[in-house]
Amino acid sequence: MTEAEVRAEIRMRLSEGGFHLNLKAVADLKPTALVFLLLLLIAGPLLAQTSTASLSGTITGPSAKAVSGATVTIKNLATDQTMSVQ
């Protein structure tokens, strides 16, 4: 099965509303196409891993007014690491 035939098969199955992985068709792909397919399969989980976060809000006092110059400390409970900002 040629690469063009594999693409045609994929298009046909997608247009029918269903897609089942044909391992014979995958085995017949050229190495470049196979690497591309594998990258597509693992890209989602890799992109889901992140080491950044954001935190936003307003510090208010008892009168519900913003507190100027307040210090906020956050703590990562898993690593016991803290960070303070003013």
C-alpha atoms as a PDB file:
ATOM      1  CA  MET A   1       0.000   0.000   0.000  1.00  0.00           C
ATOM      2  CA  THR A   2       1.485   3.330  -1.005  1.00  0.00           C
ATOM      3  CA  GLU A   3       1.490   6.446   1.129  1.00  0.00           C
ATOM      4  CA  ALA A   4      -1.150   7.999  -1.151  1.00  0.00           C
ATOM      5  CA  GLU A   5      -3.355   4.937  -0.705  1.00  0.00           C
ATOM      6  CA  VAL A   6      -2.979   5.142   3.072  1.00  0.00           C
ATOM      7  CA  ARG A   7      -4.005   8.800   3.005  1.00  0.00           C
ATOM      8  CA  ALA A   8      -6.995   7.976   0.812  1.00  0.00           C
ATOM      9  CA  GLU A   9      -7.996   5.202   3.203  1.00  0.00           C
ATOM     10  CA  ILE A  10      -7.763   7.562   6.190  1.00  0.00           C
ATOM     11  CA  ARG A  11      -9.837  10.210   4.397  1.00  0.00           C
ATOM     12  CA  MET A  12     -12.463   7.639   3.464  1.00  0.00           C
ATOM     13  CA  ARG A  13     -12.753   6.264   6.991  1.00  0.00           C
ATOM     14  CA  LEU A  14     -12.930   9.740   8.517  1.00  0.00           C
ATOM     15  CA  SER A  15     -15.692  10.714   6.086  1.00  0.00           C
ATOM     16  CA  GLU A  16     -17.635   7.594   7.113  1.00  0.00           C
ATOM     17  CA  GLY A  17     -17.551   8.763  10.724  1.00  0.00           C
ATOM     18  CA  GLY A  18     -15.295   6.067  12.086  1.00  0.00           C
ATOM     19  CA  PHE A  19     -11.625   5.293  12.154  1.00  0.00           C
ATOM     20  CA  HIS A  20      -9.993   2.034  13.110  1.00  0.00           C
ATOM     21  CA  LEU A  21      -6.226   1.713  13.125  1.00  0.00           C
ATOM     22  CA  ASN A  22      -5.040  -0.626  10.389  1.00  0.00           C
ATOM     23  CA  LEU A  23      -1.716  -1.999  11.637  1.00  0.00           C
ATOM     24  CA  LYS A  24      -0.819  -3.389   8.201  1.00  0.00           C
ATOM     25  CA  ALA A  25      -1.209   0.082   6.688  1.00  0.00           C
ATOM     26  CA  VAL A  26       0.951   1.575   9.457  1.00  0.00           C
ATOM     27  CA  ALA A  27       3.630  -1.078   8.913  1.00  0.00           C
ATOM     28  CA  ASP A  28       3.722  -0.225   5.196  1.00  0.00           C
ATOM     29  CA  LEU A  29       4.373   3.489   5.800  1.00  0.00           C
ATOM     30  CA  LYS A  30       7.726   4.980   4.959  1.00  0.00           C
ATOM     31  CA  PRO A  31       9.986   5.609   7.987  1.00  0.00           C
ATOM     32  CA  THR A  32       9.503   9.385   7.752  1.00  0.00           C
ATOM     33  CA  ALA A  33       5.732   9.052   7.773  1.00  0.00           C
ATOM     34  CA  LEU A  34       5.919   6.579  10.645  1.00  0.00           C
ATOM     35  CA  VAL A  35       8.035   8.975  12.734  1.00  0.00           C
ATOM     36  CA  PHE A  36       5.563  11.781  11.952  1.00  0.00           C
ATOM     37  CA  LEU A  37       2.649   9.570  13.036  1.00  0.00           C
ATOM     38  CA  LEU A  38       4.399   8.676  16.297  1.00  0.00           C
ATOM     39  CA  LEU A  39       5.126  12.339  17.010  1.00  0.00           C
ATOM     40  CA  LEU A  40       1.462  13.173  16.517  1.00  0.00           C
ATOM     41  CA  LEU A  41       0.451  10.444  18.943  1.00  0.00           C
ATOM     42  CA  ILE A  42       2.784  11.598  21.716  1.00  0.00           C
ATOM     43  CA  ALA A  43       2.505  15.359  21.166  1.00  0.00           C
ATOM     44  CA  GLY A  44      -0.661  15.803  23.233  1.00  0.00           C
ATOM     45  CA  PRO A  45       0.623  14.215  26.446  1.00  0.00           C
ATOM     46  CA  LEU A  46       3.950  16.022  26.099  1.00  0.00           C
ATOM     47  CA  LEU A  47       2.281  19.396  25.690  1.00  0.00           C
ATOM     48  CA  ALA A  48       0.141  18.720  28.738  1.00  0.00           C
ATOM     49  CA  GLN A  49       3.221  18.668  30.976  1.00  0.00           C
ATOM     50  CA  THR A  50       4.097  22.121  32.242  1.00  0.00           C
ATOM     51  CA  SER A  51       6.084  23.535  35.114  1.00  0.00           C
ATOM     52  CA  THR A  52       4.619  27.027  35.215  1.00  0.00           C
ATOM     53  CA  ALA A  53       1.560  28.477  36.852  1.00  0.00           C
ATOM     54  CA  SER A  54       0.027  31.826  37.579  1.00  0.00           C
ATOM     55  CA  LEU A  55      -1.806  33.214  40.546  1.00  0.00           C
ATOM     56  CA  SER A  56      -3.739  36.447  40.602  1.00  0.00           C
ATOM     57  CA  GLY A  57      -6.065  38.242  42.955  1.00  0.00           C
ATOM     58  CA  THR A  58      -6.527  41.206  45.241  1.00  0.00           C
ATOM     59  CA  ILE A  59      -5.689  41.360  48.938  1.00  0.00           C
ATOM     60  CA  THR A  60      -8.501  43.117  50.779  1.00  0.00           C
ATOM     61  CA  GLY A  61      -8.928  44.212  54.361  1.00  0.00           C
ATOM     62  CA  PRO A  62     -12.019  44.042  56.602  1.00  0.00           C
ATOM     63  CA  SER A  63     -13.560  47.045  54.813  1.00  0.00           C
ATOM     64  CA  ALA A  64     -13.260  45.195  51.438  1.00  0.00           C
ATOM     65  CA  LYS A  65     -10.738  47.781  50.190  1.00  0.00           C
ATOM     66  CA  ALA A  66      -7.455  46.739  48.556  1.00  0.00           C
ATOM     67  CA  VAL A  67      -4.496  46.521  50.956  1.00  0.00           C
ATOM     68  CA  SER A  68      -1.434  48.376  49.680  1.00  0.00           C
ATOM     69  CA  GLY A  69       2.017  46.832  50.262  1.00  0.00           C
ATOM     70  CA  ALA A  70       0.741  43.425  51.394  1.00  0.00           C
ATOM     71  CA  THR A  71       3.153  40.498  51.255  1.00  0.00           C
ATOM     72  CA  VAL A  72       1.847  37.231  49.828  1.00  0.00           C
ATOM     73  CA  THR A  73       3.649  33.946  50.448  1.00  0.00           C
ATOM     74  CA  ILE A  74       2.830  30.802  48.503  1.00  0.00           C
ATOM     75  CA  LYS A  75       4.074  27.315  49.356  1.00  0.00           C
ATOM     76  CA  ASN A  76       4.465  24.206  47.232  1.00  0.00           C
ATOM     77  CA  LEU A  77       3.304  21.474  49.582  1.00  0.00           C
ATOM     78  CA  ALA A  78       5.027  18.750  47.547  1.00  0.00           C
ATOM     79  CA  THR A  79       8.501  20.347  47.739  1.00  0.00           C
ATOM     80  CA  ASP A  80       8.051  22.629  50.781  1.00  0.00           C
ATOM     81  CA  GLN A  81       9.376  25.480  48.618  1.00  0.00           C
ATOM     82  CA  THR A  82       8.005  28.954  49.382  1.00  0.00           C
ATOM     83  CA  MET A  83       7.962  32.209  47.438  1.00  0.00           C
ATOM     84  CA  SER A  84       7.004  35.640  48.719  1.00  0.00           C
ATOM     85  CA  VAL A  85       6.086  38.759  46.770  1.00  0.00           C
ATOM     86  CA  GLN A  86       5.052  42.220  47.876  1.00  0.00           C
END
